[in-house]
Protein backbone atom coordinates (compact mmCIF):
# COMPACT_ATOMS: atom_id res chain seq x y z
CA MET A 1 -7.80 -4.70 35.08
CA LEU A 2 -9.40 -1.90 33.45
CA LYS A 3 -10.45 0.67 36.14
CA LEU A 4 -13.80 1.65 35.25
CA ARG A 5 -16.24 3.70 36.93
CA ARG A 6 -19.83 4.55 36.33
CA GLY A 7 -20.89 8.05 36.19
CA ARG A 8 -23.43 10.79 34.73
CA VAL A 9 -22.51 13.42 32.05
CA VAL A 10 -23.23 16.70 33.52
CA ASP A 11 -21.52 18.82 30.85
CA ALA A 12 -21.51 17.89 27.14
CA GLY A 13 -20.32 21.52 26.01
CA ALA A 14 -16.87 22.41 24.72
CA ALA A 15 -15.49 19.94 27.39
CA LEU A 16 -17.18 16.90 28.62
CA VAL A 17 -17.59 16.65 32.27
CA VAL A 18 -18.99 13.27 34.03
CA GLN A 19 -19.90 13.19 37.68
CA VAL A 20 -18.26 10.02 39.32
CA GLY A 21 -19.31 9.58 42.93
CA GLY A 22 -19.06 12.91 44.29
CA GLU A 23 -16.50 14.37 41.92
CA ARG A 24 -16.80 16.29 38.54
CA ARG A 25 -14.19 14.78 36.20
CA ALA A 26 -13.12 15.82 32.82
CA ALA A 27 -13.79 13.16 30.36
CA TRP A 28 -13.32 12.37 26.60
CA ALA A 29 -15.74 10.27 24.38
CA ASP A 30 -14.20 9.10 20.97
CA GLU A 31 -17.67 9.37 19.10
CA GLY A 32 -16.48 7.32 16.55
CA LEU A 33 -16.44 4.20 18.78
CA VAL A 34 -19.03 5.12 21.80
CA GLY A 35 -21.34 7.80 19.99
CA ARG A 36 -22.04 11.12 21.12
CA CYS A 37 -22.95 11.92 25.03
CA GLU A 38 -25.51 14.36 26.37
CA VAL A 39 -26.34 15.90 29.59
CA GLY A 40 -27.74 13.31 31.89
CA ASP A 41 -26.53 10.01 30.07
CA ASP A 42 -25.29 7.20 32.12
CA VAL A 43 -21.81 6.24 30.99
CA VAL A 44 -18.91 4.15 32.26
CA VAL A 45 -15.54 5.67 32.29
CA ASN A 46 -12.12 4.45 32.34
CA VAL A 47 -10.67 6.53 34.98
CA GLN A 48 -7.04 5.10 34.93
CA ALA A 49 -5.17 8.06 33.18
CA ARG A 50 -6.62 10.87 35.15
CA ASP A 51 -5.88 9.06 38.47
CA LEU A 52 -2.34 8.63 37.21
CA SER A 53 -2.25 12.42 36.31
CA LEU A 54 -0.57 11.63 33.04
CA GLY A 55 0.26 14.92 31.32
CA SER A 56 -1.45 14.28 28.03
CA GLY A 57 -4.16 12.02 29.22
CA GLY A 58 -5.10 13.64 32.28
CA PHE A 59 -9.06 12.91 31.91
CA ASP A 60 -11.30 10.18 32.01
CA VAL A 61 -12.37 8.22 28.53
CA VAL A 62 -16.01 7.02 28.26
CA HIS A 63 -15.85 3.33 27.77
CA VAL A 64 -19.60 3.00 26.97
CA ASN A 65 -22.63 5.18 27.03
CA LEU A 66 -25.47 3.03 28.74
CA THR A 67 -28.18 5.47 27.65
CA ARG A 68 -27.75 5.79 23.93
CA GLY A 69 -24.53 3.75 22.91
CA LEU A 70 -25.92 0.16 23.05
CA ALA A 71 -27.72 -0.09 19.63
CA ALA A 72 -24.73 0.71 17.24
CA GLU A 73 -24.62 -1.39 14.02
CA GLY A 74 -21.04 -1.32 13.33
CA THR A 75 -19.50 -1.19 9.96
CA GLY A 76 -20.91 -3.29 7.37
CA GLY A 77 -19.10 -5.33 4.90
CA ALA A 78 -15.80 -5.09 6.96
CA HIS A 79 -13.76 -7.96 7.75
CA VAL A 80 -10.87 -6.49 9.28
CA MET A 81 -10.61 -5.45 13.19
CA LYS A 82 -8.81 -2.73 15.05
CA LEU A 83 -8.08 -3.06 18.68
CA ASN A 84 -8.68 -6.60 17.81
CA TYR A 85 -9.51 -8.98 20.75
CA SER A 86 -9.48 -5.95 23.02
CA PRO A 87 -12.67 -4.90 24.65
CA LEU A 88 -12.83 -1.85 22.04
CA GLN A 89 -12.43 -4.15 18.88
CA HIS A 90 -14.36 -2.69 16.13
CA ALA A 91 -14.42 -3.53 12.40
CA VAL A 92 -12.85 -1.05 9.67
CA LEU A 93 -12.58 -1.03 5.97
CA PRO A 94 -8.70 -0.85 5.09
CA VAL A 95 -7.39 1.62 2.40
CA GLU A 96 -5.19 -1.16 1.17
CA GLU A 97 -8.11 -3.27 0.30
CA GLY A 98 -7.38 -4.70 -3.18
CA GLU A 99 -3.88 -2.80 -3.94
CA GLU A 100 -1.86 -5.68 -4.81
CA SER A 101 1.38 -4.30 -6.30
CA ARG A 102 3.63 -1.64 -5.00
CA GLY A 103 2.94 1.98 -5.84
CA PRO A 104 5.45 4.61 -7.36
CA THR A 105 8.85 4.87 -5.82
CA GLY A 106 10.67 7.68 -5.11
CA GLY A 107 8.26 9.78 -2.87
CA ALA A 108 9.02 12.18 0.28
CA VAL A 109 8.30 10.54 3.54
CA GLY A 110 9.32 12.40 6.88
CA VAL A 111 9.49 10.40 9.95
CA PHE A 112 8.88 12.13 13.51
CA PHE A 113 8.99 11.61 16.88
CA LEU A 114 6.27 13.79 19.04
CA HIS A 115 2.87 15.01 17.94
CA SER A 116 3.95 18.46 18.49
CA GLN A 117 6.39 18.26 15.45
CA LEU A 118 3.51 17.68 13.15
CA ALA A 119 2.46 21.53 12.98
CA PRO A 120 5.65 23.11 12.29
CA ILE A 121 6.42 20.22 9.78
CA CYS A 122 3.54 21.00 7.90
CA TRP A 123 4.09 24.78 8.09
CA ALA A 124 7.47 24.69 7.00
CA LEU A 125 6.68 22.41 4.22
CA ALA A 126 3.90 24.66 2.75
CA ALA A 127 5.75 27.78 2.94
CA LYS A 128 8.53 26.27 0.54
CA ALA A 129 6.11 23.86 -1.58
CA ARG A 130 2.36 25.75 -1.35
CA ASP A 131 0.27 23.09 -3.31
CA ALA A 132 2.04 20.04 -1.93
CA ARG A 133 -0.37 17.38 -0.87
CA VAL A 134 0.60 16.12 2.46
CA THR A 135 -0.93 12.90 4.04
CA TYR A 136 -0.45 12.36 7.84
CA VAL A 137 0.13 8.86 8.72
CA GLN A 138 -0.49 8.12 12.73
CA THR A 139 1.25 5.26 14.09
CA ALA A 140 1.72 3.94 17.51
CA GLY A 141 3.89 5.41 20.05
CA GLY A 142 1.33 7.78 21.52
CA ALA A 143 -2.28 8.10 21.69
CA LEU A 144 -4.20 5.69 19.41
CA PRO A 145 -7.56 7.66 18.67
CA GLY A 146 -7.20 9.68 15.51
CA ALA A 147 -10.03 11.96 16.45
CA LEU A 148 -7.97 13.07 19.48
CA SER A 149 -6.02 15.61 17.91
CA GLU A 150 -6.88 19.24 17.69
CA VAL A 151 -3.98 19.75 15.77
CA VAL A 152 -4.90 17.61 12.94
CA ARG A 153 -8.07 19.31 12.77
CA GLU A 154 -6.51 22.86 12.65
CA LEU A 155 -3.88 21.84 9.88
CA ARG A 156 -6.72 19.98 7.79
CA GLU A 157 -8.87 23.43 8.20
CA ARG A 158 -5.95 25.52 7.02
CA GLY A 159 -5.24 23.32 4.31
CA LEU A 160 -1.62 22.44 5.61
CA LEU A 161 -2.51 18.89 5.74
CA HIS A 162 -4.49 16.91 3.03
CA SER A 163 -5.50 13.74 4.57
CA HIS A 164 -5.16 11.64 7.75
CA LEU A 165 -4.79 7.81 7.97
CA THR A 166 -4.26 5.82 11.03
CA ALA A 167 -2.01 2.80 10.82
CA GLY A 168 -1.36 -0.38 13.05
CA PRO A 169 -3.29 0.06 16.22
CA ALA A 170 -4.17 3.74 15.61
CA TYR A 171 -7.60 4.22 14.60
CA GLY A 172 -10.30 6.69 13.82
CA GLY A 173 -8.44 8.75 10.96
CA GLU A 174 -10.04 9.49 7.40
CA GLY A 175 -8.83 6.16 6.32
CA GLU A 176 -7.72 2.84 8.05
CA ALA A 177 -4.69 1.26 7.33
CA ILE A 178 -3.51 -2.05 8.61
CA THR A 179 0.38 -1.33 8.35
CA THR A 180 2.42 1.74 8.32
CA ALA A 181 3.95 0.35 4.78
CA ALA A 182 0.45 0.23 3.35
CA ALA A 183 -0.60 3.58 4.40
CA ILE A 184 2.64 5.11 2.88
CA ASP A 185 2.12 3.27 -0.17
CA HIS A 186 -1.74 4.08 -0.27
CA ALA A 187 -1.05 7.80 0.17
CA LEU A 188 1.68 8.16 -2.21
CA ARG A 189 -0.32 6.20 -5.05
CA SER A 190 -3.39 8.55 -4.30
CA GLY A 191 -1.57 11.71 -5.14
CA ALA A 192 0.16 12.71 -2.11
CA ASP A 193 3.48 14.66 -2.50
CA ALA A 194 4.70 13.81 0.93
CA VAL A 195 3.80 11.65 3.84
CA VAL A 196 4.67 12.59 7.32
CA CYS A 197 4.58 9.43 9.97
CA GLY A 198 4.63 10.10 13.55
CA PRO A 199 2.60 9.36 16.74
CA GLY A 200 -0.66 10.80 18.20
CA PRO A 201 -0.68 13.01 21.13
CA GLY A 202 1.35 12.02 23.95
CA ILE A 203 4.27 9.46 23.93
CA LEU A 204 4.55 6.30 25.68
CA GLY A 205 8.08 6.39 27.70
CA SER A 206 10.72 5.13 30.08
CA ALA A 207 13.89 6.30 30.79
CA SER A 208 15.38 3.38 29.11
CA ARG A 209 17.20 3.48 25.36
CA LEU A 210 14.28 1.31 23.79
CA GLY A 211 11.34 1.38 25.83
CA HIS A 212 9.66 4.67 24.39
CA GLY A 213 7.03 5.32 21.89
CA GLY A 214 9.88 7.46 19.88
CA LEU A 215 11.31 3.80 18.61
CA THR A 216 8.12 3.68 16.51
CA ALA A 217 9.91 5.77 14.03
CA LEU A 218 12.24 3.06 13.53
CA ASP A 219 9.50 1.10 12.04
CA SER A 220 8.24 3.82 10.07
CA ALA A 221 11.62 4.46 8.49
CA HIS A 222 12.38 0.96 7.40
CA ALA A 223 8.96 0.77 5.84
CA ALA A 224 9.64 4.07 3.99
CA LEU A 225 13.20 3.02 2.89
CA ALA A 226 12.05 -0.70 1.90
CA LEU A 227 9.50 0.89 -0.48
CA GLY A 228 12.21 2.94 -2.19
CA HIS A 229 11.25 6.55 -0.88
CA HIS A 230 13.30 9.56 0.11
CA THR A 231 13.07 9.04 3.93
CA VAL A 232 13.66 11.94 6.08
CA VAL A 233 14.39 11.56 10.02
CA VAL A 234 12.90 14.75 11.50
CA PRO A 235 14.79 14.60 14.99
CA ARG A 236 13.34 15.52 18.12
CA MET A 237 15.83 18.17 19.50
CA SER A 238 16.07 20.49 22.66
CA ALA A 239 18.09 23.14 24.41
CA GLY A 240 15.58 23.49 27.26
CA ASP A 241 14.60 19.84 28.63
CA PRO A 242 15.87 19.66 31.91
CA ARG A 243 16.83 15.88 31.26
CA GLU A 244 20.51 15.37 29.63
CA ARG A 245 19.19 12.53 27.65
CA HIS A 246 16.81 14.96 25.32
CA ARG A 247 19.41 17.75 24.92
CA GLY A 248 20.87 18.43 21.49
CA VAL A 249 19.41 15.68 19.29
CA SER A 250 17.18 13.59 21.95
CA HIS A 251 18.49 10.00 22.73
CA HIS A 252 15.15 8.93 21.24
CA SER A 253 16.42 10.17 17.73
CA ARG A 254 19.97 9.01 18.18
CA THR A 255 18.54 5.40 18.88
CA VAL A 256 16.93 5.24 15.73
CA LEU A 257 19.77 6.63 13.68
CA GLU A 258 22.08 3.95 15.22
CA LEU A 259 19.39 1.22 14.54
CA LEU A 260 18.52 1.95 10.99
CA LEU A 261 19.57 -0.62 8.80
CA ALA A 262 19.95 1.55 5.85
CA PRO A 263 21.34 5.21 5.55
CA ALA A 264 18.43 7.75 5.78
CA LEU A 265 18.28 11.51 5.01
CA LEU A 266 18.73 13.51 8.42
CA ALA A 267 16.92 17.24 8.40
CA LEU A 268 18.82 19.53 10.58
CA PRO A 269 18.52 23.41 11.08
CA ASP A 270 21.53 25.36 9.95
CA GLY A 271 24.13 25.51 12.46
CA ALA A 272 22.86 22.47 14.77
CA LEU A 273 25.28 19.87 15.32
CA PRO A 274 24.78 16.44 14.24
CA PRO A 275 25.17 13.48 16.58
CA PRO A 276 27.78 10.93 16.23
CA GLU A 277 25.06 8.32 15.35
CA ALA A 278 24.70 10.50 12.15
CA VAL A 279 27.52 9.47 10.64
CA ARG A 280 26.07 6.56 8.27
CA HIS A 281 23.42 9.31 7.25
CA GLU A 282 23.18 11.82 4.91
CA ILE A 283 22.48 15.38 6.73
CA ARG A 284 20.11 17.92 4.90
CA ARG A 285 20.39 21.03 6.53
CA ALA A 286 17.63 23.81 6.17
CA PRO A 287 17.26 27.71 7.27
CA VAL A 288 14.46 27.97 9.56
CA ASP A 289 11.67 30.82 10.14
CA LEU A 290 10.75 30.68 13.64
CA ASP A 291 9.43 34.36 13.89
CA GLY A 292 7.04 33.30 11.06
CA TYR A 293 6.16 30.12 12.64
CA ARG A 294 5.43 32.21 15.87
CA ALA A 295 3.36 34.49 13.92
CA SER A 296 1.42 32.02 12.39
CA GLY A 297 -1.02 30.93 15.36
CA LEU A 298 -0.37 26.94 15.05
CA PRO A 299 0.77 25.36 18.44
CA ARG A 300 3.76 26.64 19.90
CA ARG A 301 4.12 24.42 23.12
CA SER A 302 5.72 20.93 23.53
CA MET A 303 6.45 19.00 26.52
CA GLY A 304 5.05 22.10 28.71
CA ARG A 305 7.44 24.38 27.17
CA ASP A 306 6.70 27.36 24.63
CA LEU A 307 8.82 27.95 21.42
CA GLN A 308 10.49 30.81 23.16
CA ASP A 309 11.81 28.28 25.84
CA ASP A 310 12.78 25.63 23.65
CA PRO A 311 13.40 27.05 20.17
CA SER A 312 15.68 24.08 19.12
CA PHE A 313 12.72 21.81 19.17
CA PHE A 314 10.84 23.90 16.66
CA ALA A 315 13.56 24.54 14.34
CA ALA A 316 14.44 20.71 13.93
CA ALA A 317 10.56 20.29 12.95
CA LEU A 318 10.73 23.42 10.51
CA ALA A 319 13.85 21.92 9.13
CA GLY A 320 12.34 18.79 8.70
CA GLY A 321 9.31 20.22 6.76
CA ALA A 322 11.77 22.26 4.45
CA VAL A 323 13.71 19.36 3.47
CA LEU A 324 10.85 17.49 2.60
CA ALA A 325 9.75 20.43 0.53
CA ASP A 326 12.95 20.54 -1.27
CA ILE A 327 12.33 16.97 -2.22
CA ILE A 328 9.31 17.49 -3.59
CA ARG A 329 10.48 20.35 -5.51
CA ALA A 330 13.52 18.59 -6.93
CA ALA A 331 11.24 15.71 -8.34
């Protein structure tokens, strides 16, 4: 069952704080779903993530605002639901409505594994292809609300990201797609020079080979390949992760490379060793500018580690952006 508790908003400034019982608790409200919250509002919050002390979800989530959230009209003219038949089902207008034929082939599509790869990918892409229009397709595998990502907001403000689509169960982007394939197709037919597909903040995971959110990259890569696009796997790499399975090219990425039904492109920074699973794939290497990214002011932490603690992680993402830029420039 949902772990719901009733509370009252006591701070609605830069961070939302809700009084639940005798405790003040950090919270987040998805305004696209539940509307705004003001001090004094009575709310119901889902407290499960904070009670589990999740690293990327350590806050309560407003489930409903009882004071001002019970009169919304929904989305007029829509007939497609997201989060369908869950307590948060809501209607959307999908971007693929009326798009019957496949769009152009030969586009550049990057597939990544952690949300913290998004900023270095986009920065490196823009450094080599300055006027490129990049669309981020947010998939399952991490957080589902599109509004949760501060990285997306910053990239949009800087002009490093042209648009943001949420696909499948993910929702709340600038456009909604029922499937990742439709999101890729719509973005490229709408003028995007490159599409980057990956999860929102956080990642679902177990220590198993198949039970993790990174495996969503397999579906994204298959969709891009089936649509006839240059498909670049941007691997998760690490030299600083204490878990052996994530050292070098992470087991998340190695599993996807092993299970792909067709060859893809694997982006690697100069000097990085490819994993054995890359044997069927085409390796594309690129020099990376870690100092330039460090000076950019963009986020430089992932999984609790700074760029200086784990340069391999950021180097792999920067290589992915550079390879995508090379594909755009060669088109």
